[in-house]
């Protein structure tokens, strides 16, 4: 199976209480099952989020079936995903250079050890 990798960045609100709540929502087994199902159903085979300070980095490995446009369309039609996204805005904030309504900003790869 061939995979591709996508990397994104987003900020959390710089509030220790909110950051702790966000981490609890994302602790092993705590993400809503409808959310993990929507991720897996889209062809995302691995998804990890890292945090330094209040800046987050998301690394997604996807299989050949993954289509970001189709994922966005499916998410827009899924009430549980929309509920989750609305809840996450309580904790997340857009990066200063994000487009209007954009939360997770794609990262540009600038180096790869070969």
N, C-alpha and C. Protein backbone atom coordinates (compact mmCIF):
# COMPACT_ATOMS: atom_id res chain seq x y z
N UNK A 1 0.84 -1.18 0.00
CA UNK A 1 0.00 0.00 0.00
C UNK A 1 0.89 1.25 0.00
N UNK A 2 0.66 2.12 -0.94
CA UNK A 2 1.39 3.38 -1.00
C UNK A 2 0.70 4.43 -0.12
N UNK A 3 1.49 5.18 0.62
CA UNK A 3 0.93 6.25 1.45
C UNK A 3 1.58 7.57 1.09
N UNK A 4 0.84 8.63 1.39
CA UNK A 4 1.35 9.99 1.27
C UNK A 4 1.23 10.64 2.65
N UNK A 5 2.00 11.68 2.87
CA UNK A 5 1.98 12.37 4.16
C UNK A 5 1.58 13.83 3.95
N UNK A 6 0.68 14.27 4.82
CA UNK A 6 0.27 15.67 4.86
C UNK A 6 0.59 16.19 6.25
N UNK A 7 1.10 17.42 6.34
CA UNK A 7 1.42 18.03 7.63
C UNK A 7 0.75 19.40 7.71
N UNK A 8 0.17 19.68 8.87
CA UNK A 8 -0.57 20.92 9.08
C UNK A 8 -0.18 21.52 10.42
N UNK A 9 -0.49 22.81 10.58
CA UNK A 9 -0.24 23.49 11.85
C UNK A 9 -1.45 24.32 12.23
N UNK A 10 -1.63 24.48 13.53
CA UNK A 10 -2.73 25.26 14.09
C UNK A 10 -2.30 25.67 15.50
N UNK A 11 -2.89 26.71 16.02
CA UNK A 11 -2.59 27.13 17.38
C UNK A 11 -3.73 26.78 18.32
N UNK A 12 -3.38 26.49 19.56
CA UNK A 12 -4.36 26.44 20.63
C UNK A 12 -4.40 27.81 21.29
N UNK A 13 -5.51 28.15 21.88
CA UNK A 13 -5.56 29.38 22.67
C UNK A 13 -4.57 29.21 23.81
N UNK A 14 -3.83 30.24 24.08
CA UNK A 14 -2.74 30.18 25.07
C UNK A 14 -3.32 30.32 26.48
N UNK A 15 -4.00 29.27 26.91
CA UNK A 15 -4.67 29.22 28.21
C UNK A 15 -4.47 27.81 28.74
N UNK A 16 -3.76 27.67 29.84
CA UNK A 16 -3.38 26.35 30.33
C UNK A 16 -4.59 25.47 30.63
N UNK A 17 -5.67 26.03 31.12
CA UNK A 17 -6.87 25.24 31.40
C UNK A 17 -7.48 24.70 30.12
N UNK A 18 -7.61 25.57 29.11
CA UNK A 18 -8.16 25.13 27.83
C UNK A 18 -7.24 24.11 27.15
N UNK A 19 -5.94 24.32 27.26
CA UNK A 19 -5.00 23.38 26.65
C UNK A 19 -5.12 22.00 27.31
N UNK A 20 -5.30 21.97 28.62
CA UNK A 20 -5.46 20.70 29.33
C UNK A 20 -6.75 20.00 28.89
N UNK A 21 -7.83 20.76 28.72
CA UNK A 21 -9.09 20.17 28.25
C UNK A 21 -8.92 19.60 26.84
N UNK A 22 -8.24 20.34 25.97
CA UNK A 22 -8.02 19.89 24.60
C UNK A 22 -7.24 18.57 24.60
N UNK A 23 -6.20 18.52 25.40
CA UNK A 23 -5.41 17.28 25.50
C UNK A 23 -6.26 16.12 25.99
N UNK A 24 -7.16 16.38 26.93
CA UNK A 24 -8.02 15.32 27.45
C UNK A 24 -8.96 14.79 26.36
N UNK A 25 -9.51 15.66 25.53
CA UNK A 25 -10.35 15.22 24.41
C UNK A 25 -9.57 14.33 23.44
N UNK A 26 -8.26 14.55 23.36
CA UNK A 26 -7.44 13.82 22.40
C UNK A 26 -6.62 12.69 23.03
N UNK A 27 -6.79 12.46 24.32
CA UNK A 27 -6.09 11.35 24.98
C UNK A 27 -6.60 10.03 24.40
N UNK A 28 -5.78 9.01 24.50
CA UNK A 28 -6.12 7.69 23.93
C UNK A 28 -7.51 7.25 24.37
N UNK A 29 -8.35 6.96 23.38
CA UNK A 29 -9.69 6.46 23.65
C UNK A 29 -10.75 7.52 23.91
N UNK A 30 -10.35 8.80 23.96
CA UNK A 30 -11.32 9.84 24.30
C UNK A 30 -11.95 10.54 23.10
N UNK A 31 -11.33 10.46 21.94
CA UNK A 31 -11.94 11.09 20.76
C UNK A 31 -13.25 10.39 20.46
N UNK A 32 -14.22 11.14 20.04
CA UNK A 32 -15.52 10.55 19.75
C UNK A 32 -15.38 9.48 18.68
N UNK A 33 -16.05 8.34 18.82
CA UNK A 33 -15.93 7.26 17.83
C UNK A 33 -16.35 7.68 16.43
N UNK A 34 -17.32 8.59 16.33
CA UNK A 34 -17.74 9.07 15.01
C UNK A 34 -16.63 9.85 14.32
N UNK A 35 -15.79 10.49 15.11
CA UNK A 35 -14.68 11.27 14.55
C UNK A 35 -13.60 10.33 14.04
N UNK A 36 -13.22 9.37 14.87
CA UNK A 36 -12.17 8.44 14.42
C UNK A 36 -12.66 7.63 13.22
N UNK A 37 -13.95 7.29 13.18
CA UNK A 37 -14.50 6.56 12.04
C UNK A 37 -14.42 7.42 10.78
N UNK A 38 -14.79 8.69 10.88
CA UNK A 38 -14.75 9.57 9.70
C UNK A 38 -13.32 9.73 9.18
N UNK A 39 -12.36 9.74 10.09
CA UNK A 39 -10.95 9.85 9.70
C UNK A 39 -10.51 8.59 8.95
N UNK A 40 -10.79 7.44 9.53
CA UNK A 40 -10.39 6.18 8.91
C UNK A 40 -11.12 5.93 7.60
N UNK A 41 -12.42 6.25 7.56
CA UNK A 41 -13.21 6.05 6.34
C UNK A 41 -12.69 6.88 5.17
N UNK A 42 -12.02 7.99 5.47
CA UNK A 42 -11.50 8.88 4.42
C UNK A 42 -10.19 8.38 3.82
N UNK A 43 -9.61 7.32 4.39
CA UNK A 43 -8.33 6.83 3.88
C UNK A 43 -7.14 7.35 4.66
N UNK A 44 -7.39 7.90 5.82
CA UNK A 44 -6.30 8.35 6.69
C UNK A 44 -5.89 7.15 7.54
N UNK A 45 -4.66 6.68 7.34
CA UNK A 45 -4.22 5.46 8.02
C UNK A 45 -3.49 5.75 9.32
N UNK A 46 -2.99 6.96 9.48
CA UNK A 46 -2.36 7.37 10.74
C UNK A 46 -2.48 8.88 10.85
N UNK A 47 -2.79 9.34 12.05
CA UNK A 47 -2.91 10.77 12.31
C UNK A 47 -2.35 11.03 13.69
N UNK A 48 -1.39 11.94 13.76
CA UNK A 48 -0.77 12.29 15.04
C UNK A 48 -0.77 13.80 15.18
N UNK A 49 -0.97 14.27 16.40
CA UNK A 49 -0.91 15.71 16.69
C UNK A 49 0.16 15.90 17.76
N UNK A 50 1.05 16.86 17.50
CA UNK A 50 2.12 17.22 18.43
C UNK A 50 1.89 18.65 18.89
N UNK A 51 2.35 18.95 20.09
CA UNK A 51 2.16 20.27 20.69
C UNK A 51 3.48 20.78 21.25
N UNK A 52 3.79 22.02 20.94
CA UNK A 52 4.92 22.71 21.57
C UNK A 52 4.42 24.11 21.91
N UNK A 53 4.46 24.44 23.20
CA UNK A 53 3.82 25.69 23.61
C UNK A 53 2.34 25.57 23.28
N UNK A 54 1.83 26.53 22.52
CA UNK A 54 0.44 26.43 22.09
C UNK A 54 0.33 26.15 20.58
N UNK A 55 1.45 25.85 19.92
CA UNK A 55 1.44 25.53 18.49
C UNK A 55 1.34 24.03 18.30
N UNK A 56 0.40 23.61 17.46
CA UNK A 56 0.19 22.19 17.18
C UNK A 56 0.65 21.86 15.77
N UNK A 57 1.07 20.61 15.61
CA UNK A 57 1.45 20.08 14.31
C UNK A 57 0.73 18.75 14.13
N UNK A 58 0.05 18.61 13.00
CA UNK A 58 -0.67 17.38 12.69
C UNK A 58 0.02 16.70 11.51
N UNK A 59 0.29 15.41 11.67
CA UNK A 59 0.92 14.61 10.63
C UNK A 59 -0.08 13.52 10.26
N UNK A 60 -0.46 13.49 8.98
CA UNK A 60 -1.41 12.50 8.49
C UNK A 60 -0.76 11.65 7.41
N UNK A 61 -0.82 10.36 7.57
CA UNK A 61 -0.44 9.43 6.51
C UNK A 61 -1.73 8.91 5.91
N UNK A 62 -1.84 9.00 4.59
CA UNK A 62 -3.07 8.63 3.90
C UNK A 62 -2.78 7.59 2.83
N UNK A 63 -3.79 6.77 2.54
CA UNK A 63 -3.62 5.80 1.47
C UNK A 63 -4.07 6.41 0.14
N UNK A 64 -4.02 5.59 -0.90
CA UNK A 64 -4.30 6.09 -2.25
C UNK A 64 -5.75 6.50 -2.44
N UNK A 65 -6.66 6.10 -1.55
CA UNK A 65 -8.06 6.47 -1.68
C UNK A 65 -8.36 7.87 -1.13
N UNK A 66 -7.43 8.46 -0.39
CA UNK A 66 -7.69 9.75 0.27
C UNK A 66 -7.81 10.87 -0.75
N UNK A 67 -8.87 11.66 -0.59
CA UNK A 67 -9.11 12.85 -1.40
C UNK A 67 -9.53 13.95 -0.44
N UNK A 68 -8.70 15.00 -0.27
CA UNK A 68 -9.03 16.03 0.71
C UNK A 68 -10.34 16.77 0.41
N UNK A 69 -10.69 16.91 -0.85
CA UNK A 69 -11.94 17.58 -1.20
C UNK A 69 -13.12 16.71 -0.77
N UNK A 70 -13.04 15.41 -1.05
CA UNK A 70 -14.11 14.50 -0.65
C UNK A 70 -14.22 14.41 0.88
N UNK A 71 -13.09 14.44 1.57
CA UNK A 71 -13.11 14.43 3.03
C UNK A 71 -13.81 15.66 3.55
N UNK A 72 -13.50 16.83 3.00
CA UNK A 72 -14.14 18.07 3.44
C UNK A 72 -15.65 18.03 3.16
N UNK A 73 -16.03 17.50 2.01
CA UNK A 73 -17.45 17.40 1.67
C UNK A 73 -18.17 16.45 2.63
N UNK A 74 -17.57 15.30 2.91
CA UNK A 74 -18.17 14.35 3.84
C UNK A 74 -18.29 14.95 5.23
N UNK A 75 -17.26 15.66 5.68
CA UNK A 75 -17.30 16.30 6.99
C UNK A 75 -18.41 17.34 7.07
N UNK A 76 -18.61 18.10 6.01
CA UNK A 76 -19.64 19.14 5.99
C UNK A 76 -21.04 18.54 6.12
N UNK A 77 -21.20 17.29 5.68
CA UNK A 77 -22.51 16.63 5.74
C UNK A 77 -22.70 15.77 6.99
N UNK A 78 -21.67 15.67 7.82
CA UNK A 78 -21.72 14.81 9.00
C UNK A 78 -21.97 15.67 10.25
N UNK A 79 -23.17 15.56 10.84
CA UNK A 79 -23.49 16.40 12.00
C UNK A 79 -22.55 16.22 13.19
N UNK A 80 -22.08 14.99 13.43
CA UNK A 80 -21.16 14.77 14.56
C UNK A 80 -19.81 15.42 14.30
N UNK A 81 -19.32 15.35 13.07
CA UNK A 81 -18.06 16.02 12.74
C UNK A 81 -18.23 17.53 12.91
N UNK A 82 -19.34 18.07 12.48
CA UNK A 82 -19.58 19.50 12.63
C UNK A 82 -19.67 19.89 14.10
N UNK A 83 -20.30 19.06 14.90
CA UNK A 83 -20.38 19.31 16.35
C UNK A 83 -18.99 19.29 16.98
N UNK A 84 -18.16 18.30 16.58
CA UNK A 84 -16.79 18.21 17.07
C UNK A 84 -15.99 19.45 16.66
N UNK A 85 -16.09 19.83 15.40
CA UNK A 85 -15.33 20.99 14.92
C UNK A 85 -15.73 22.26 15.66
N UNK A 86 -17.02 22.42 15.90
CA UNK A 86 -17.48 23.60 16.66
C UNK A 86 -16.92 23.58 18.07
N UNK A 87 -16.92 22.40 18.71
CA UNK A 87 -16.34 22.26 20.04
C UNK A 87 -14.85 22.59 20.03
N UNK A 88 -14.12 22.11 19.03
CA UNK A 88 -12.67 22.33 18.97
C UNK A 88 -12.32 23.80 18.80
N UNK A 89 -13.20 24.60 18.16
CA UNK A 89 -12.94 26.04 18.04
C UNK A 89 -12.89 26.71 19.41
N UNK A 90 -13.46 26.07 20.43
CA UNK A 90 -13.35 26.61 21.79
C UNK A 90 -11.89 26.66 22.22
N UNK A 91 -11.09 25.72 21.68
CA UNK A 91 -9.69 25.57 22.09
C UNK A 91 -8.70 26.08 21.04
N UNK A 92 -9.08 25.98 19.79
CA UNK A 92 -8.15 26.30 18.71
C UNK A 92 -8.32 27.74 18.24
N UNK A 93 -7.26 28.26 17.66
CA UNK A 93 -7.34 29.56 17.02
C UNK A 93 -6.49 29.51 15.75
N UNK A 94 -6.92 30.25 14.78
CA UNK A 94 -6.23 30.25 13.50
C UNK A 94 -4.85 30.86 13.63
N UNK A 95 -3.93 30.39 12.82
CA UNK A 95 -2.61 31.00 12.74
C UNK A 95 -2.75 32.39 12.14
N UNK A 96 -1.82 33.30 12.46
CA UNK A 96 -1.94 34.68 11.95
C UNK A 96 -2.01 34.76 10.42
N UNK A 97 -1.43 33.81 9.72
CA UNK A 97 -1.40 33.86 8.25
C UNK A 97 -2.48 32.98 7.62
N UNK A 98 -3.37 32.42 8.42
CA UNK A 98 -4.44 31.55 7.90
C UNK A 98 -5.44 32.37 7.09
N UNK A 99 -6.03 31.70 6.11
CA UNK A 99 -7.11 32.31 5.33
C UNK A 99 -8.37 32.34 6.20
N UNK A 100 -9.33 33.19 5.83
CA UNK A 100 -10.59 33.30 6.55
C UNK A 100 -11.24 31.92 6.69
N UNK A 101 -11.58 31.53 7.92
CA UNK A 101 -12.22 30.25 8.18
C UNK A 101 -11.29 29.05 8.19
N UNK A 102 -10.02 29.26 7.89
CA UNK A 102 -9.06 28.15 7.86
C UNK A 102 -8.51 27.93 9.26
N UNK A 103 -8.51 26.66 9.67
CA UNK A 103 -8.00 26.32 10.99
C UNK A 103 -6.63 25.67 10.85
N UNK A 104 -6.57 24.49 10.28
CA UNK A 104 -5.32 23.78 10.09
C UNK A 104 -4.69 24.24 8.78
N UNK A 105 -3.50 24.83 8.85
CA UNK A 105 -2.81 25.37 7.68
C UNK A 105 -1.79 24.34 7.19
N UNK A 106 -1.81 24.02 5.88
CA UNK A 106 -0.82 23.08 5.35
C UNK A 106 0.61 23.60 5.55
N UNK A 107 1.50 22.69 5.92
CA UNK A 107 2.90 23.05 6.10
C UNK A 107 3.66 22.74 4.81
N UNK A 108 4.67 23.53 4.53
CA UNK A 108 5.52 23.33 3.35
C UNK A 108 6.76 22.56 3.76
N UNK A 109 7.05 21.48 3.05
CA UNK A 109 8.26 20.72 3.32
C UNK A 109 9.45 21.49 2.73
N UNK A 110 10.47 21.71 3.54
CA UNK A 110 11.65 22.45 3.07
C UNK A 110 12.92 21.61 3.09
N UNK A 111 12.85 20.41 3.67
CA UNK A 111 14.03 19.54 3.71
C UNK A 111 13.58 18.10 3.88
N UNK A 112 14.31 17.19 3.22
CA UNK A 112 14.10 15.77 3.42
C UNK A 112 15.46 15.08 3.27
N UNK A 113 15.83 14.33 4.28
CA UNK A 113 17.08 13.57 4.23
C UNK A 113 16.89 12.39 3.29
N UNK A 114 17.74 12.33 2.29
CA UNK A 114 17.66 11.21 1.34
C UNK A 114 18.97 10.46 1.33
